[in-house]
Amino acid sequence: MCFSIFPVHMVSGVVETLSPGIYFIRIDSCMTTYTSNTFLSVTMMHKMATCLFLAAMAGVVGGCSGGGPSLPKMGSFFGGSKAVIDAEAKPAESLYREADAYMTARKYEKAAKKFEEVDRQHPYSPLARKAIIMAAYAHFKGPDYPAAISGAKRYATLHPGTKESALAQYIISSSYFDQIKDPKHDQTSTKKALKELKVLVRRYPDSRYAAQAKNRIKIAFDVLAAKEMEVGRYYQKRHNHLAAINRFKVVVREYQQTKHVEEALMRLSESYMALGVANEAQNAAAILGHNFPNSPWYRDSYALLQSGGLAPRNSGSSWLSKTWKTVKTAVNPF
């Protein structure tokens, strides 16, 4: 039997008698015959059209045999699929166990997706909060640092003050720290790592991550100081002493606790001598000799001054002398 699928009010049903017991049925453009020993009324035909329309909407009846697309199968009429339905039917505990198994197997990408599925499908489950931070940690181990940072920041925003907040800050700072490059390259990640490490130490001083964060802060300072020295030496070799001095100043002012401060003081003596600013050269050498008397950089600085008939001398009025006094009385940032 062949029918076109239209709302009932659009179906024009006509019953014509061909011979006793045989009826001709027309519904729109599709035609067939219906044989019965009973009388088929127009009302019955309208009911038939209604039933066929509802059946077609459920995906049971296809189009006419002469052509036209068939309707989707039951369960996929609204774009769904059995696989999706089955996945969504999984409880949070089951999804979390699968994610944890992937973590144990070091399949971090799959683990992250499973943890995210817990949060997506069961946002009000007790496991959802933990799944957010574990997804971020899985991304970190991957490593997928942008995803790890994004996930950890989301957790910190949604659940501040919880016991996993320290872990979230650890993931953020470590993701930046692991991207630190050598001093010859851009140090954006180093600066971001330093900022986030300071937040970790300040907010969670008693956490298991605080001690490591303090050591990493020292490393970040050292890398940033090394970068300034790298650029300063570059300018100095090209006799651009003013630009070089500005770089060495940064090391003396901001990274005094690093090993690079000794060389920075000696390089300041060199550049000031090259510019003929003898008093500043003497100040730099004097501060270097007072604080690092056994440093090879002090020996070089002392020899340089002697070659010009000068000796180290701290005038006390130099910016360098004031900066170094500030260093000696600086408060420990930790």
Protein backbone atom coordinates (compact mmCIF):
# COMPACT_ATOMS: atom_id res chain seq x y z
CA MET A 1 0.00 0.00 0.00
CA CYS A 2 1.35 3.45 -0.92
CA PHE A 3 0.67 6.76 0.84
CA SER A 4 2.00 10.30 0.89
CA ILE A 5 2.76 11.70 4.36
CA PHE A 6 0.87 14.92 5.03
CA PRO A 7 -1.15 16.26 7.94
CA VAL A 8 -4.64 14.81 7.99
CA HIS A 9 -6.36 18.01 6.87
CA MET A 10 -4.21 17.97 3.69
CA VAL A 11 -5.17 14.41 2.77
CA SER A 12 -8.03 14.21 0.35
CA GLY A 13 -9.56 10.79 0.73
CA VAL A 14 -12.01 9.48 -1.85
CA VAL A 15 -13.66 6.06 -1.92
CA GLU A 16 -15.05 4.89 -5.23
CA THR A 17 -16.81 1.60 -5.86
CA LEU A 18 -15.22 -0.39 -8.66
CA SER A 19 -17.26 -3.51 -8.14
CA PRO A 20 -19.14 -5.09 -5.25
CA GLY A 21 -16.68 -5.71 -2.41
CA ILE A 22 -13.80 -3.80 -4.12
CA TYR A 23 -13.08 -0.16 -3.34
CA PHE A 24 -10.72 2.33 -4.97
CA ILE A 25 -8.86 4.48 -2.40
CA ARG A 26 -7.11 7.77 -3.34
CA ILE A 27 -4.96 9.61 -0.82
CA ASP A 28 -3.28 12.54 -2.54
CA SER A 29 -1.26 11.21 -5.50
CA CYS A 30 -0.93 7.62 -4.32
CA MET A 31 -3.53 5.12 -5.41
CA THR A 32 -4.29 1.52 -4.57
CA THR A 33 -7.29 -0.73 -4.13
CA TYR A 34 -8.77 -2.08 -1.00
CA THR A 35 -10.72 -5.29 -0.95
CA SER A 36 -13.12 -6.03 1.83
CA ASN A 37 -16.37 -7.80 2.46
CA THR A 38 -17.51 -4.87 4.53
CA PHE A 39 -18.32 -1.28 3.65
CA LEU A 40 -15.34 1.15 3.95
CA SER A 41 -16.64 4.58 4.89
CA VAL A 42 -14.94 7.90 4.34
CA THR A 43 -14.69 8.31 8.12
CA MET A 44 -12.76 5.03 8.40
CA MET A 45 -10.43 6.18 5.65
CA HIS A 46 -9.68 9.41 7.51
CA LYS A 47 -8.84 7.39 10.62
CA MET A 48 -6.52 5.26 8.50
CA ALA A 49 -4.77 8.37 7.19
CA THR A 50 -4.34 9.66 10.73
CA CYS A 51 -2.81 6.41 11.93
CA LEU A 52 -0.46 6.25 8.97
CA PHE A 53 0.71 9.82 9.60
CA LEU A 54 1.46 9.12 13.26
CA ALA A 55 3.27 5.91 12.34
CA ALA A 56 5.39 7.74 9.79
CA MET A 57 6.37 10.38 12.36
CA ALA A 58 7.55 7.60 14.66
CA GLY A 59 9.85 6.34 11.91
CA VAL A 60 7.95 3.14 11.21
CA VAL A 61 6.64 3.92 7.73
CA GLY A 62 8.96 5.11 4.93
CA GLY A 63 8.11 7.15 1.87
CA CYS A 64 6.29 5.93 -1.21
CA SER A 65 7.86 3.00 -3.00
CA GLY A 66 8.21 5.20 -6.07
CA GLY A 67 10.81 7.48 -4.40
CA GLY A 68 11.37 10.01 -1.63
CA PRO A 69 13.72 9.79 1.36
CA SER A 70 12.97 7.35 4.12
CA LEU A 71 12.58 8.62 7.66
CA PRO A 72 15.27 7.97 10.26
CA LYS A 73 15.08 4.88 12.40
CA MET A 74 13.48 4.92 15.81
CA GLY A 75 15.87 6.41 18.37
CA SER A 76 17.68 8.60 15.85
CA PHE A 77 14.74 10.74 14.64
CA PHE A 78 15.86 13.70 16.76
CA GLY A 79 19.57 13.33 15.95
CA GLY A 80 20.45 10.96 18.77
CA SER A 81 22.15 7.62 18.54
CA LYS A 82 22.13 4.46 20.54
CA ALA A 83 25.83 4.91 21.38
CA VAL A 84 25.21 8.38 22.82
CA ILE A 85 22.20 7.19 24.78
CA ASP A 86 24.17 4.32 26.23
CA ALA A 87 27.06 6.65 27.18
CA GLU A 88 24.76 9.13 28.85
CA ALA A 89 23.15 6.34 30.80
CA LYS A 90 26.41 5.55 32.62
CA PRO A 91 26.48 6.59 36.26
CA ALA A 92 29.07 9.03 37.53
CA GLU A 93 30.86 6.35 39.54
CA SER A 94 31.34 4.18 36.46
CA LEU A 95 32.71 7.05 34.36
CA TYR A 96 35.04 8.09 37.16
CA ARG A 97 36.41 4.55 37.54
CA GLU A 98 37.11 4.41 33.81
CA ALA A 99 38.92 7.74 33.96
CA ASP A 100 40.95 6.60 36.95
CA ALA A 101 41.91 3.42 35.09
CA TYR A 102 43.15 5.50 32.16
CA MET A 103 45.25 7.58 34.58
CA THR A 104 46.81 4.43 36.01
CA ALA A 105 47.61 3.28 32.47
CA ARG A 106 49.09 6.73 31.72
CA LYS A 107 46.58 7.33 28.96
CA TYR A 108 46.14 10.91 30.04
CA GLU A 109 44.20 12.24 27.07
CA LYS A 110 41.54 9.55 27.43
CA ALA A 111 41.48 10.05 31.19
CA ALA A 112 40.90 13.78 30.80
CA LYS A 113 37.98 13.19 28.45
CA LYS A 114 36.38 10.72 30.86
CA PHE A 115 36.76 13.06 33.82
CA GLU A 116 35.21 15.85 31.76
CA GLU A 117 32.35 13.49 30.88
CA VAL A 118 31.63 13.05 34.59
CA ASP A 119 31.28 16.80 35.02
CA ARG A 120 29.26 17.20 31.83
CA GLN A 121 26.78 14.40 32.42
CA HIS A 122 26.52 14.62 36.21
CA PRO A 123 27.24 18.24 37.21
CA TYR A 124 25.47 17.80 40.56
CA SER A 125 27.17 14.56 41.48
CA PRO A 126 29.56 14.58 44.46
CA LEU A 127 32.22 13.34 42.02
CA ALA A 128 31.78 16.23 39.59
CA ARG A 129 33.91 18.67 41.59
CA LYS A 130 36.79 16.22 41.90
CA ALA A 131 36.45 15.29 38.23
CA ILE A 132 37.11 18.92 37.20
CA ILE A 133 40.45 19.09 39.00
CA MET A 134 41.42 15.57 37.91
CA ALA A 135 40.71 16.47 34.28
CA ALA A 136 43.04 19.45 34.65
CA TYR A 137 45.69 17.22 36.24
CA ALA A 138 45.35 14.68 33.42
CA HIS A 139 45.86 17.46 30.87
CA PHE A 140 48.94 18.60 32.81
CA LYS A 141 50.41 15.10 32.74
CA GLY A 142 49.61 14.78 29.02
CA PRO A 143 51.01 17.36 28.68
CA ASP A 144 48.43 19.77 27.31
CA TYR A 145 49.36 22.90 29.25
CA PRO A 146 46.73 25.32 27.88
CA ALA A 147 43.94 22.86 28.71
CA ALA A 148 45.48 22.17 32.14
CA ILE A 149 45.68 25.88 32.98
CA SER A 150 42.14 26.51 31.75
CA GLY A 151 40.71 23.58 33.73
CA ALA A 152 42.57 24.45 36.93
CA LYS A 153 41.50 28.10 36.73
CA ARG A 154 37.90 26.99 36.22
CA TYR A 155 38.12 24.84 39.33
CA ALA A 156 39.65 27.66 41.36
CA THR A 157 36.83 29.97 40.25
CA LEU A 158 34.01 27.51 40.94
CA HIS A 159 35.38 25.98 44.15
CA PRO A 160 37.67 28.43 45.96
CA GLY A 161 38.77 27.46 49.44
CA THR A 162 38.29 23.71 48.98
CA LYS A 163 41.04 21.23 49.81
CA GLU A 164 41.89 20.78 46.12
CA SER A 165 42.40 24.53 45.60
CA ALA A 166 46.12 24.20 46.36
CA LEU A 167 46.38 21.46 43.72
CA ALA A 168 44.64 23.72 41.20
CA GLN A 169 47.18 26.50 41.85
CA TYR A 170 50.00 23.95 41.65
CA ILE A 171 48.77 22.82 38.21
CA ILE A 172 48.61 26.43 36.97
CA SER A 173 52.07 27.39 38.22
CA SER A 174 53.67 24.10 37.15
CA SER A 175 52.17 24.33 33.66
CA TYR A 176 53.90 27.67 33.18
CA PHE A 177 57.09 26.54 34.94
CA ASP A 178 57.48 23.50 32.69
CA GLN A 179 57.42 25.80 29.67
CA ILE A 180 60.38 27.90 30.83
CA LYS A 181 62.99 28.21 28.13
CA ASP A 182 66.69 29.03 28.26
CA PRO A 183 67.71 32.69 28.64
CA LYS A 184 68.25 33.16 24.91
CA HIS A 185 64.50 32.82 24.28
CA ASP A 186 61.36 34.70 25.26
CA GLN A 187 60.66 34.59 29.01
CA THR A 188 56.90 35.16 29.05
CA SER A 189 56.27 31.73 30.58
CA THR A 190 58.92 32.38 33.24
CA LYS A 191 57.24 35.62 34.31
CA LYS A 192 53.84 33.94 34.44
CA ALA A 193 55.29 31.03 36.38
CA LEU A 194 56.88 33.39 38.90
CA LYS A 195 53.59 35.21 39.39
CA GLU A 196 51.60 32.01 39.93
CA LEU A 197 54.28 30.47 42.18
CA LYS A 198 54.13 33.51 44.44
CA VAL A 199 50.35 33.12 44.63
CA LEU A 200 50.79 29.46 45.59
CA VAL A 201 53.22 30.30 48.42
CA ARG A 202 51.12 33.22 49.66
CA ARG A 203 47.73 31.49 49.65
CA TYR A 204 48.79 27.98 50.61
CA PRO A 205 51.94 28.32 52.76
CA ASP A 206 51.23 25.07 54.60
CA SER A 207 50.41 22.98 51.55
CA ARG A 208 52.58 20.12 50.31
CA TYR A 209 53.46 22.24 47.27
CA ALA A 210 54.83 25.31 49.12
CA ALA A 211 58.42 24.11 49.63
CA GLN A 212 58.84 23.16 45.99
CA ALA A 213 57.26 26.45 44.91
CA LYS A 214 59.86 28.41 46.91
CA ASN A 215 62.70 26.62 45.15
CA ARG A 216 61.06 27.21 41.79
CA ILE A 217 60.74 30.91 42.55
CA LYS A 218 64.53 31.04 42.96
CA ILE A 219 64.99 29.23 39.66
CA ALA A 220 62.60 31.61 37.90
CA PHE A 221 64.45 34.62 39.31
CA ASP A 222 67.73 33.15 38.13
CA VAL A 223 66.44 32.58 34.60
CA LEU A 224 65.05 36.12 34.37
CA ALA A 225 68.34 37.55 35.64
CA ALA A 226 70.23 35.44 33.11
CA LYS A 227 68.03 36.86 30.36
CA GLU A 228 68.85 40.43 31.40
CA MET A 229 72.55 39.59 31.49
CA GLU A 230 72.31 38.01 28.04
CA VAL A 231 70.80 41.18 26.57
CA GLY A 232 73.16 43.45 28.52
CA ARG A 233 76.24 41.65 27.24
CA TYR A 234 74.83 41.87 23.72
CA TYR A 235 74.60 45.68 23.97
CA GLN A 236 77.97 45.94 25.69
CA LYS A 237 79.76 44.04 22.92
CA ARG A 238 78.30 46.53 20.46
CA HIS A 239 79.46 49.45 22.61
CA ASN A 240 75.90 50.51 23.41
CA HIS A 241 76.81 51.04 27.06
CA LEU A 242 73.74 53.01 28.13
CA ALA A 243 71.45 50.18 27.00
CA ALA A 244 73.76 47.66 28.65
CA ILE A 245 73.76 49.59 31.96
CA ASN A 246 69.96 49.63 32.00
CA ARG A 247 69.91 45.84 31.73
CA PHE A 248 72.53 45.34 34.43
CA LYS A 249 70.60 47.73 36.68
CA VAL A 250 67.58 45.45 36.47
CA VAL A 251 69.64 42.54 37.79
CA VAL A 252 71.03 44.58 40.69
CA ARG A 253 67.62 46.02 41.62
CA GLU A 254 65.26 43.09 41.05
CA TYR A 255 67.33 39.89 41.12
CA GLN A 256 69.86 40.58 43.87
CA GLN A 257 69.47 37.10 45.36
CA THR A 258 70.71 35.38 42.21
CA LYS A 259 74.24 34.37 41.28
CA HIS A 260 74.20 36.85 38.39
CA VAL A 261 74.46 39.91 40.60
CA GLU A 262 78.25 39.54 40.90
CA GLU A 263 78.78 39.70 37.16
CA ALA A 264 76.20 42.49 36.85
CA LEU A 265 78.21 44.68 39.25
CA MET A 266 81.43 44.01 37.36
CA ARG A 267 79.78 44.77 34.00
CA LEU A 268 78.49 48.03 35.45
CA SER A 269 82.07 48.95 36.32
CA GLU A 270 83.11 48.17 32.74
CA SER A 271 80.37 50.19 31.07
CA TYR A 272 80.74 53.16 33.41
CA MET A 273 84.50 53.19 32.79
CA ALA A 274 83.86 53.07 29.04
CA LEU A 275 81.57 56.11 29.37
CA GLY A 276 84.03 57.94 31.63
CA VAL A 277 81.73 57.90 34.67
CA ALA A 278 84.48 56.96 37.12
CA ASN A 279 82.61 57.47 40.41
CA GLU A 280 79.87 55.01 39.42
CA ALA A 281 82.48 52.49 38.26
CA GLN A 282 84.21 52.83 41.64
CA ASN A 283 80.90 52.40 43.48
CA ALA A 284 80.06 49.22 41.62
CA ALA A 285 83.49 47.73 42.31
CA ALA A 286 83.38 48.73 45.99
CA ILE A 287 79.98 47.09 46.55
CA LEU A 288 81.14 44.01 44.70
CA GLY A 289 84.33 43.74 46.80
CA HIS A 290 82.52 44.34 50.11
CA ASN A 291 79.87 41.66 49.54
CA PHE A 292 81.80 39.17 47.41
CA PRO A 293 85.48 39.65 48.27
CA ASN A 294 86.52 36.26 46.90
CA SER A 295 84.60 36.57 43.64
CA PRO A 296 86.61 36.33 40.40
CA TRP A 297 84.35 39.12 39.09
CA TYR A 298 85.70 41.39 41.83
CA ARG A 299 89.26 40.63 40.84
CA ASP A 300 88.46 41.60 37.25
CA SER A 301 86.73 44.79 38.37
CA TYR A 302 89.58 45.74 40.67
CA ALA A 303 92.14 45.22 37.91
CA LEU A 304 90.08 47.32 35.54
CA LEU A 305 90.00 50.27 37.94
CA GLN A 306 93.69 49.97 38.67
CA SER A 307 94.43 50.18 34.94
CA GLY A 308 92.84 53.63 35.00
CA GLY A 309 94.61 54.71 38.18
CA LEU A 310 91.48 54.26 40.30
CA ALA A 311 90.43 52.10 43.23
CA PRO A 312 87.05 50.86 44.49
CA ARG A 313 85.27 53.55 46.54
CA ASN A 314 81.75 53.82 47.80
CA SER A 315 80.60 57.42 47.78
CA GLY A 316 77.24 56.64 49.40
CA SER A 317 75.37 59.04 47.12
CA SER A 318 75.18 56.77 44.09
CA TRP A 319 71.91 55.11 43.05
CA LEU A 320 73.87 51.87 43.29
CA SER A 321 74.82 52.42 46.91
CA LYS A 322 71.21 53.23 47.82
CA THR A 323 69.92 50.23 45.95
CA TRP A 324 72.37 47.91 47.65
CA LYS A 325 71.43 49.24 51.09
CA THR A 326 67.83 48.49 50.22
CA VAL A 327 68.83 44.97 49.36
CA LYS A 328 70.54 44.46 52.69
CA THR A 329 67.38 45.48 54.56
CA ALA A 330 64.85 43.90 52.20
CA VAL A 331 62.08 41.79 53.68
CA ASN A 332 62.13 38.11 52.72
CA PRO A 333 59.27 37.66 50.20
CA PHE A 334 58.65 34.13 51.42
